[in-house]
């Protein structure tokens, strides 16, 4: 079961497509994070989703949110895919132990060996403020991201 809103997001440290270590807690006290789990690089729906995010990075920048994609792919696969698609945000490899971070967030699909399409919006205090998951084979909409980003804004 996926983590619920208003809970502390589990910390992690993984390498991105360039071999840089990315630790979630390093953003604490500084900025919010959109953690975007996706099944696999080079797949049609995942490419479409992440290209839409690439084309709308200004939404995240305007909200002061760091966008981080995460999958069970290796960093080498993520680098090749990221360069092919022109992604300028971090893609982190939940490669080994296989899917460990996805399991902590409750979105790993054991029978398939990869994560579901799940997004968690985490505030600067490390608290999940908004999240959404789509059914297998169903892409997330830009509107869902816009609504989630609005949840991070003070009332």
N, C-alpha and C. Protein backbone atom coordinates (compact mmCIF):
# COMPACT_ATOMS: atom_id res chain seq x y z
N UNK A 1 0.84 -1.18 0.00
CA UNK A 1 0.00 0.00 0.00
C UNK A 1 0.89 1.25 0.00
N UNK A 2 0.54 2.19 -0.84
CA UNK A 2 1.34 3.41 -0.99
C UNK A 2 1.26 4.27 0.28
N UNK A 3 2.33 4.98 0.54
CA UNK A 3 2.35 5.90 1.67
C UNK A 3 1.26 6.95 1.51
N UNK A 4 0.71 7.34 2.64
CA UNK A 4 -0.38 8.32 2.62
C UNK A 4 0.17 9.73 2.78
N UNK A 5 -0.66 10.69 2.37
CA UNK A 5 -0.32 12.09 2.56
C UNK A 5 -0.21 12.38 4.05
N UNK A 6 0.55 13.40 4.39
CA UNK A 6 0.79 13.84 5.76
C UNK A 6 1.68 12.88 6.55
N UNK A 7 2.44 12.04 5.84
CA UNK A 7 3.42 11.18 6.50
C UNK A 7 4.82 11.61 6.09
N UNK A 8 5.79 11.26 6.89
CA UNK A 8 7.19 11.58 6.60
C UNK A 8 7.67 10.72 5.44
N UNK A 9 8.22 11.34 4.43
CA UNK A 9 8.75 10.61 3.27
C UNK A 9 10.04 9.90 3.66
N UNK A 10 10.15 8.61 3.37
CA UNK A 10 11.39 7.90 3.68
C UNK A 10 12.58 8.52 2.93
N UNK A 11 13.67 8.69 3.66
CA UNK A 11 14.88 9.23 3.03
C UNK A 11 15.53 8.14 2.18
N UNK A 12 16.30 8.55 1.22
CA UNK A 12 17.06 7.62 0.39
C UNK A 12 18.26 8.35 -0.18
N UNK A 13 19.22 7.58 -0.62
CA UNK A 13 20.36 8.12 -1.36
C UNK A 13 20.61 7.17 -2.52
N UNK A 14 20.45 7.69 -3.74
CA UNK A 14 20.64 6.90 -4.96
C UNK A 14 21.47 7.71 -5.95
N UNK A 15 22.03 7.04 -6.94
CA UNK A 15 22.77 7.77 -7.98
C UNK A 15 21.83 8.16 -9.11
N UNK A 16 22.12 9.33 -9.69
CA UNK A 16 21.34 9.75 -10.85
C UNK A 16 22.03 9.30 -12.13
N UNK A 17 21.51 9.75 -13.25
CA UNK A 17 22.01 9.30 -14.54
C UNK A 17 23.46 9.70 -14.79
N UNK A 18 23.99 10.65 -14.01
CA UNK A 18 25.38 11.08 -14.18
C UNK A 18 26.30 10.52 -13.09
N UNK A 19 25.77 9.64 -12.26
CA UNK A 19 26.57 9.05 -11.20
C UNK A 19 26.64 9.91 -9.94
N UNK A 20 25.91 11.03 -9.92
CA UNK A 20 25.88 11.90 -8.74
C UNK A 20 24.94 11.30 -7.70
N UNK A 21 25.36 11.38 -6.43
CA UNK A 21 24.53 10.86 -5.34
C UNK A 21 23.44 11.89 -5.01
N UNK A 22 22.21 11.43 -5.04
CA UNK A 22 21.06 12.29 -4.73
C UNK A 22 20.43 11.76 -3.45
N UNK A 23 20.37 12.61 -2.43
CA UNK A 23 19.77 12.23 -1.17
C UNK A 23 18.56 13.12 -0.92
N UNK A 24 17.42 12.50 -0.68
CA UNK A 24 16.19 13.26 -0.49
C UNK A 24 16.32 14.27 0.64
N UNK A 25 16.91 13.87 1.75
CA UNK A 25 16.98 14.75 2.92
C UNK A 25 17.84 16.00 2.68
N UNK A 26 18.63 16.02 1.63
CA UNK A 26 19.43 17.23 1.39
C UNK A 26 18.56 18.42 0.98
N UNK A 27 17.31 18.14 0.58
CA UNK A 27 16.38 19.21 0.20
C UNK A 27 15.59 19.74 1.40
N UNK A 28 15.70 19.05 2.54
CA UNK A 28 14.93 19.46 3.72
C UNK A 28 15.34 20.86 4.15
N UNK A 29 14.34 21.64 4.44
CA UNK A 29 14.58 23.02 4.86
C UNK A 29 14.87 23.95 3.70
N UNK A 30 14.97 23.42 2.49
CA UNK A 30 15.32 24.24 1.33
C UNK A 30 14.24 24.32 0.27
N UNK A 31 13.76 23.14 -0.16
CA UNK A 31 12.75 23.17 -1.23
C UNK A 31 11.94 21.89 -1.22
N UNK A 32 10.81 21.95 -1.89
CA UNK A 32 9.95 20.78 -2.05
C UNK A 32 10.48 19.90 -3.17
N UNK A 33 10.02 18.65 -3.18
CA UNK A 33 10.45 17.68 -4.18
C UNK A 33 9.24 16.98 -4.77
N UNK A 34 9.22 16.83 -6.08
CA UNK A 34 8.25 15.97 -6.77
C UNK A 34 9.00 14.69 -7.10
N UNK A 35 8.64 13.61 -6.42
CA UNK A 35 9.28 12.31 -6.63
C UNK A 35 8.37 11.51 -7.55
N UNK A 36 8.87 11.24 -8.77
CA UNK A 36 8.05 10.65 -9.82
C UNK A 36 8.56 9.23 -10.12
N UNK A 37 7.85 8.24 -9.59
CA UNK A 37 8.18 6.84 -9.88
C UNK A 37 7.61 6.48 -11.24
N UNK A 38 8.42 5.80 -12.05
CA UNK A 38 7.93 5.31 -13.34
C UNK A 38 8.49 3.91 -13.56
N UNK A 39 7.76 3.07 -14.31
CA UNK A 39 8.18 1.67 -14.46
C UNK A 39 9.54 1.48 -15.12
N UNK A 40 9.67 1.90 -16.36
CA UNK A 40 10.90 1.60 -17.11
C UNK A 40 11.21 2.67 -18.15
N UNK A 41 12.49 2.98 -18.27
CA UNK A 41 12.96 3.88 -19.34
C UNK A 41 12.70 3.25 -20.70
N UNK A 42 12.62 4.06 -21.69
CA UNK A 42 12.45 3.66 -23.09
C UNK A 42 11.09 3.02 -23.38
N UNK A 43 10.15 3.08 -22.43
CA UNK A 43 8.82 2.55 -22.71
C UNK A 43 7.92 3.71 -23.15
N UNK A 44 6.94 3.41 -23.94
CA UNK A 44 6.12 4.44 -24.57
C UNK A 44 5.43 5.39 -23.61
N UNK A 45 4.69 4.84 -22.64
CA UNK A 45 3.96 5.71 -21.73
C UNK A 45 4.92 6.51 -20.86
N UNK A 46 5.97 5.86 -20.37
CA UNK A 46 6.94 6.58 -19.52
C UNK A 46 7.61 7.71 -20.30
N UNK A 47 7.97 7.44 -21.53
CA UNK A 47 8.58 8.50 -22.35
C UNK A 47 7.61 9.65 -22.53
N UNK A 48 6.36 9.34 -22.84
CA UNK A 48 5.37 10.40 -23.03
C UNK A 48 5.17 11.23 -21.78
N UNK A 49 5.08 10.56 -20.63
CA UNK A 49 4.89 11.27 -19.36
C UNK A 49 6.07 12.18 -19.05
N UNK A 50 7.27 11.64 -19.12
CA UNK A 50 8.43 12.43 -18.74
C UNK A 50 8.75 13.52 -19.76
N UNK A 51 8.42 13.29 -21.02
CA UNK A 51 8.59 14.37 -22.00
C UNK A 51 7.62 15.52 -21.70
N UNK A 52 6.41 15.18 -21.25
CA UNK A 52 5.45 16.23 -20.87
C UNK A 52 5.98 17.02 -19.68
N UNK A 53 6.60 16.32 -18.72
CA UNK A 53 7.20 17.03 -17.59
C UNK A 53 8.36 17.91 -18.06
N UNK A 54 9.20 17.36 -18.94
CA UNK A 54 10.33 18.13 -19.50
C UNK A 54 9.81 19.41 -20.14
N UNK A 55 8.72 19.30 -20.88
CA UNK A 55 8.18 20.46 -21.59
C UNK A 55 7.46 21.44 -20.68
N UNK A 56 7.23 21.05 -19.43
CA UNK A 56 6.52 21.91 -18.48
C UNK A 56 7.31 22.11 -17.19
N UNK A 57 8.63 22.06 -17.29
CA UNK A 57 9.49 22.25 -16.11
C UNK A 57 9.24 23.61 -15.42
N UNK A 58 8.78 24.58 -16.19
CA UNK A 58 8.52 25.91 -15.62
C UNK A 58 7.49 25.85 -14.49
N UNK A 59 6.55 24.91 -14.57
CA UNK A 59 5.56 24.74 -13.50
C UNK A 59 6.24 24.40 -12.18
N UNK A 60 7.21 23.49 -12.26
CA UNK A 60 7.93 23.05 -11.06
C UNK A 60 8.87 24.15 -10.58
N UNK A 61 9.56 24.79 -11.52
CA UNK A 61 10.48 25.88 -11.16
C UNK A 61 9.73 27.02 -10.47
N UNK A 62 8.57 27.40 -11.01
CA UNK A 62 7.78 28.50 -10.44
C UNK A 62 7.32 28.17 -9.03
N UNK A 63 7.08 26.88 -8.74
CA UNK A 63 6.63 26.46 -7.42
C UNK A 63 7.80 26.16 -6.48
N UNK A 64 9.04 26.29 -6.99
CA UNK A 64 10.22 25.99 -6.17
C UNK A 64 10.35 24.52 -5.85
N UNK A 65 9.99 23.67 -6.80
CA UNK A 65 9.97 22.22 -6.59
C UNK A 65 11.03 21.54 -7.45
N UNK A 66 11.83 20.69 -6.81
CA UNK A 66 12.84 19.88 -7.50
C UNK A 66 12.15 18.63 -8.06
N UNK A 67 12.29 18.40 -9.34
CA UNK A 67 11.70 17.24 -9.99
C UNK A 67 12.73 16.12 -10.05
N UNK A 68 12.36 14.93 -9.52
CA UNK A 68 13.24 13.77 -9.53
C UNK A 68 12.46 12.58 -10.04
N UNK A 69 12.91 11.99 -11.15
CA UNK A 69 12.32 10.75 -11.65
C UNK A 69 13.05 9.57 -11.05
N UNK A 70 12.35 8.46 -10.83
CA UNK A 70 12.96 7.29 -10.20
C UNK A 70 12.40 6.00 -10.79
N UNK A 71 13.31 5.10 -11.17
CA UNK A 71 12.90 3.79 -11.69
C UNK A 71 13.93 2.75 -11.31
N UNK A 72 13.63 1.49 -11.61
CA UNK A 72 14.54 0.39 -11.29
C UNK A 72 15.64 0.21 -12.34
N UNK A 73 15.63 1.06 -13.35
CA UNK A 73 16.67 0.99 -14.38
C UNK A 73 18.04 1.34 -13.81
N UNK A 74 19.10 0.89 -14.48
CA UNK A 74 20.46 1.28 -14.07
C UNK A 74 20.70 2.74 -14.45
N UNK A 75 21.71 3.34 -13.81
CA UNK A 75 22.02 4.73 -14.14
C UNK A 75 22.47 4.88 -15.57
N UNK A 76 23.08 3.84 -16.12
CA UNK A 76 23.56 3.90 -17.51
C UNK A 76 22.37 3.93 -18.48
N UNK A 77 21.36 3.12 -18.18
CA UNK A 77 20.14 3.14 -19.00
C UNK A 77 19.46 4.50 -18.88
N UNK A 78 19.37 5.02 -17.65
CA UNK A 78 18.73 6.31 -17.44
C UNK A 78 19.49 7.44 -18.14
N UNK A 79 20.81 7.33 -18.18
CA UNK A 79 21.59 8.37 -18.87
C UNK A 79 21.33 8.34 -20.37
N UNK A 80 21.36 7.15 -20.96
CA UNK A 80 21.11 7.04 -22.40
C UNK A 80 19.72 7.56 -22.74
N UNK A 81 18.74 7.19 -21.94
CA UNK A 81 17.36 7.61 -22.18
C UNK A 81 17.21 9.12 -21.96
N UNK A 82 17.79 9.61 -20.87
CA UNK A 82 17.71 11.04 -20.57
C UNK A 82 18.34 11.90 -21.64
N UNK A 83 19.49 11.45 -22.16
CA UNK A 83 20.15 12.21 -23.22
C UNK A 83 19.34 12.15 -24.51
N UNK A 84 18.78 11.00 -24.81
CA UNK A 84 17.96 10.86 -26.02
C UNK A 84 16.74 11.78 -25.97
N UNK A 85 16.13 11.89 -24.79
CA UNK A 85 14.90 12.67 -24.65
C UNK A 85 15.12 14.11 -24.21
N UNK A 86 16.36 14.47 -23.85
CA UNK A 86 16.66 15.84 -23.45
C UNK A 86 16.16 16.19 -22.05
N UNK A 87 16.14 15.21 -21.14
CA UNK A 87 15.72 15.48 -19.77
C UNK A 87 16.85 16.19 -19.03
N UNK A 88 16.52 17.30 -18.37
CA UNK A 88 17.52 18.06 -17.62
C UNK A 88 17.36 17.88 -16.12
N UNK A 89 16.36 17.13 -15.70
CA UNK A 89 16.15 16.85 -14.27
C UNK A 89 16.77 15.50 -13.94
N UNK A 90 16.97 15.26 -12.65
CA UNK A 90 17.60 14.01 -12.21
C UNK A 90 16.69 12.81 -12.42
N UNK A 91 17.30 11.74 -12.91
CA UNK A 91 16.66 10.42 -12.99
C UNK A 91 17.49 9.52 -12.10
N UNK A 92 16.92 9.02 -11.03
CA UNK A 92 17.70 8.22 -10.09
C UNK A 92 17.38 6.74 -10.25
N UNK A 93 18.42 5.94 -10.02
CA UNK A 93 18.36 4.49 -10.23
C UNK A 93 18.07 3.75 -8.93
N UNK A 94 16.87 3.21 -8.84
CA UNK A 94 16.46 2.36 -7.71
C UNK A 94 16.79 0.92 -8.09
N UNK A 95 18.04 0.75 -8.54
CA UNK A 95 18.49 -0.47 -9.19
C UNK A 95 18.85 -1.59 -8.22
N UNK A 96 19.64 -1.23 -7.19
CA UNK A 96 20.06 -2.27 -6.25
C UNK A 96 20.23 -1.68 -4.86
N UNK A 97 19.66 -2.27 -3.83
CA UNK A 97 18.78 -3.43 -3.94
C UNK A 97 17.54 -3.11 -4.80
N UNK A 98 17.19 -4.04 -5.63
CA UNK A 98 16.19 -3.84 -6.67
C UNK A 98 14.87 -3.30 -6.12
N UNK A 99 14.56 -2.05 -6.49
CA UNK A 99 13.28 -1.45 -6.11
C UNK A 99 13.12 -1.15 -4.64
N UNK A 100 14.21 -1.04 -3.90
CA UNK A 100 14.12 -0.84 -2.45
C UNK A 100 13.37 0.44 -2.07
N UNK A 101 13.61 1.52 -2.78
CA UNK A 101 12.94 2.78 -2.46
C UNK A 101 11.46 2.68 -2.85
N UNK A 102 11.17 2.11 -4.00
CA UNK A 102 9.78 1.92 -4.41
C UNK A 102 9.03 1.08 -3.37
N UNK A 103 9.70 0.09 -2.82
CA UNK A 103 9.08 -0.74 -1.77
C UNK A 103 8.79 0.09 -0.53
N UNK A 104 9.73 0.96 -0.14
CA UNK A 104 9.52 1.82 1.03
C UNK A 104 8.32 2.74 0.86
N UNK A 105 8.11 3.18 -0.37
CA UNK A 105 6.98 4.08 -0.66
C UNK A 105 5.70 3.30 -0.97
N UNK A 106 5.80 1.97 -1.01
CA UNK A 106 4.63 1.13 -1.22
C UNK A 106 4.13 1.08 -2.64
N UNK A 107 5.03 1.31 -3.62
CA UNK A 107 4.59 1.35 -5.02
C UNK A 107 5.31 0.34 -5.92
N UNK A 108 6.06 -0.60 -5.30
CA UNK A 108 6.76 -1.61 -6.09
C UNK A 108 5.78 -2.73 -6.44
N UNK A 109 5.77 -3.14 -7.69
CA UNK A 109 4.91 -4.23 -8.14
C UNK A 109 5.75 -5.50 -8.21
N UNK A 110 5.67 -6.33 -7.18
CA UNK A 110 6.50 -7.53 -7.09
C UNK A 110 6.37 -8.44 -8.30
N UNK A 111 5.16 -8.65 -8.77
CA UNK A 111 4.93 -9.57 -9.88
C UNK A 111 5.56 -9.08 -11.19
N UNK A 112 5.75 -7.76 -11.30
CA UNK A 112 6.32 -7.20 -12.53
C UNK A 112 7.79 -6.83 -12.39
N UNK A 113 8.24 -6.61 -11.15
CA UNK A 113 9.65 -6.27 -10.93
C UNK A 113 9.98 -4.81 -11.14
N UNK A 114 8.96 -3.94 -11.13
CA UNK A 114 9.19 -2.50 -11.25
C UNK A 114 8.12 -1.75 -10.48
N UNK A 115 8.27 -0.42 -10.42
CA UNK A 115 7.31 0.38 -9.65
C UNK A 115 6.10 0.75 -10.50
N UNK A 116 5.05 1.09 -9.80
CA UNK A 116 3.86 1.63 -10.44
C UNK A 116 4.15 3.09 -10.80
N UNK A 117 3.24 3.70 -11.56
CA UNK A 117 3.34 5.13 -11.84
C UNK A 117 2.77 5.86 -10.63
N UNK A 118 3.65 6.42 -9.83
CA UNK A 118 3.24 7.10 -8.61
C UNK A 118 4.04 8.38 -8.44
N UNK A 119 3.37 9.40 -7.96
CA UNK A 119 4.01 10.70 -7.73
C UNK A 119 3.74 11.14 -6.30
N UNK A 120 4.80 11.60 -5.64
CA UNK A 120 4.69 12.11 -4.28
C UNK A 120 5.25 13.53 -4.27
N UNK A 121 4.47 14.49 -3.78
CA UNK A 121 4.93 15.86 -3.61
C UNK A 121 5.30 16.02 -2.14
N UNK A 122 6.58 16.30 -1.90
CA UNK A 122 7.14 16.31 -0.55
C UNK A 122 7.56 17.75 -0.22
N UNK A 123 7.07 18.25 0.91
CA UNK A 123 7.37 19.64 1.27
C UNK A 123 8.78 19.77 1.86
N UNK A 124 9.23 20.98 2.12
CA UNK A 124 10.60 21.17 2.63
C UNK A 124 10.86 20.53 4.00
N UNK A 125 9.81 20.14 4.71
CA UNK A 125 9.96 19.46 6.00
C UNK A 125 10.01 17.95 5.83
N UNK A 126 9.94 17.47 4.59
CA UNK A 126 9.99 16.04 4.33
C UNK A 126 8.66 15.33 4.45
N UNK A 127 7.56 16.09 4.49
CA UNK A 127 6.22 15.53 4.63
C UNK A 127 5.56 15.41 3.26
N UNK A 128 4.96 14.25 3.00
CA UNK A 128 4.21 14.05 1.75
C UNK A 128 2.93 14.86 1.85
N UNK A 129 2.77 15.84 0.97
CA UNK A 129 1.60 16.72 0.99
C UNK A 129 0.57 16.36 -0.07
N UNK A 130 1.01 15.70 -1.13
CA UNK A 130 0.08 15.28 -2.18
C UNK A 130 0.69 14.07 -2.87
N UNK A 131 -0.18 13.21 -3.37
CA UNK A 131 0.31 12.03 -4.10
C UNK A 131 -0.79 11.55 -5.03
N UNK A 132 -0.37 10.87 -6.07
CA UNK A 132 -1.34 10.24 -6.97
C UNK A 132 -0.68 9.09 -7.70
N UNK A 133 -1.49 8.08 -7.96
CA UNK A 133 -1.04 6.86 -8.63
C UNK A 133 -2.06 6.55 -9.71
N UNK A 134 -1.59 6.13 -10.87
CA UNK A 134 -2.51 5.73 -11.92
C UNK A 134 -2.47 4.21 -12.09
N UNK A 135 -3.52 3.69 -12.66
CA UNK A 135 -3.61 2.26 -12.93
C UNK A 135 -2.53 1.87 -13.94
N UNK A 136 -2.07 0.62 -13.89
CA UNK A 136 -1.07 0.18 -14.88
C UNK A 136 -1.53 0.48 -16.30
N UNK A 137 -0.63 1.04 -17.09
CA UNK A 137 -0.93 1.39 -18.47
C UNK A 137 -1.60 2.74 -18.64
N UNK A 138 -1.88 3.42 -17.55
CA UNK A 138 -2.55 4.72 -17.62
C UNK A 138 -1.57 5.84 -17.27
N UNK A 139 -1.34 6.77 -18.19
CA UNK A 139 -0.41 7.87 -17.88
C UNK A 139 -1.00 8.86 -16.89
N UNK A 140 -0.12 9.53 -16.17
CA UNK A 140 -0.55 10.61 -15.28
C UNK A 140 -0.76 11.86 -16.12
N UNK A 141 -1.73 12.66 -15.73
CA UNK A 141 -2.03 13.88 -16.49
C UNK A 141 -1.27 15.07 -15.92
N UNK A 142 -1.05 16.04 -16.78
CA UNK A 142 -0.41 17.28 -16.33
C UNK A 142 -1.31 17.97 -15.30
N UNK A 143 -2.62 17.85 -15.47
CA UNK A 143 -3.56 18.43 -14.50
C UNK A 143 -3.37 17.87 -13.11
N UNK A 144 -3.04 16.58 -13.00
CA UNK A 144 -2.79 15.97 -11.69
C UNK A 144 -1.56 16.61 -11.04
N UNK A 145 -0.54 16.89 -11.84
CA UNK A 145 0.65 17.56 -11.30
C UNK A 145 0.31 18.98 -10.86
N UNK A 146 -0.48 19.69 -11.66
CA UNK A 146 -0.85 21.05 -11.32
C UNK A 146 -1.63 21.08 -10.00
N UNK A 147 -2.55 20.14 -9.83
CA UNK A 147 -3.33 20.07 -8.58
C UNK A 147 -2.42 19.73 -7.40
N UNK A 148 -1.49 18.82 -7.60
CA UNK A 148 -0.57 18.44 -6.53
C UNK A 148 0.34 19.60 -6.15
N UNK A 149 0.82 20.33 -7.14
CA UNK A 149 1.67 21.50 -6.86
C UNK A 149 0.89 22.55 -6.07
N UNK A 150 -0.40 22.69 -6.35
CA UNK A 150 -1.23 23.64 -5.62
C UNK A 150 -1.35 23.25 -4.15
N UNK A 151 -1.28 21.94 -3.85
CA UNK A 151 -1.35 21.47 -2.47
C UNK A 151 -0.14 21.92 -1.65
N UNK A 152 0.96 22.20 -2.33
CA UNK A 152 2.18 22.63 -1.62
C UNK A 152 2.15 24.10 -1.26
N UNK A 153 1.28 24.86 -1.92
CA UNK A 153 1.26 26.29 -1.69
C UNK A 153 0.54 26.60 -0.39
N UNK A 154 1.06 27.55 0.38
CA UNK A 154 0.39 27.91 1.64
C UNK A 154 -1.01 28.44 1.37
N UNK A 155 -1.92 28.15 2.28
CA UNK A 155 -3.33 28.58 2.12
C UNK A 155 -3.47 30.05 2.37
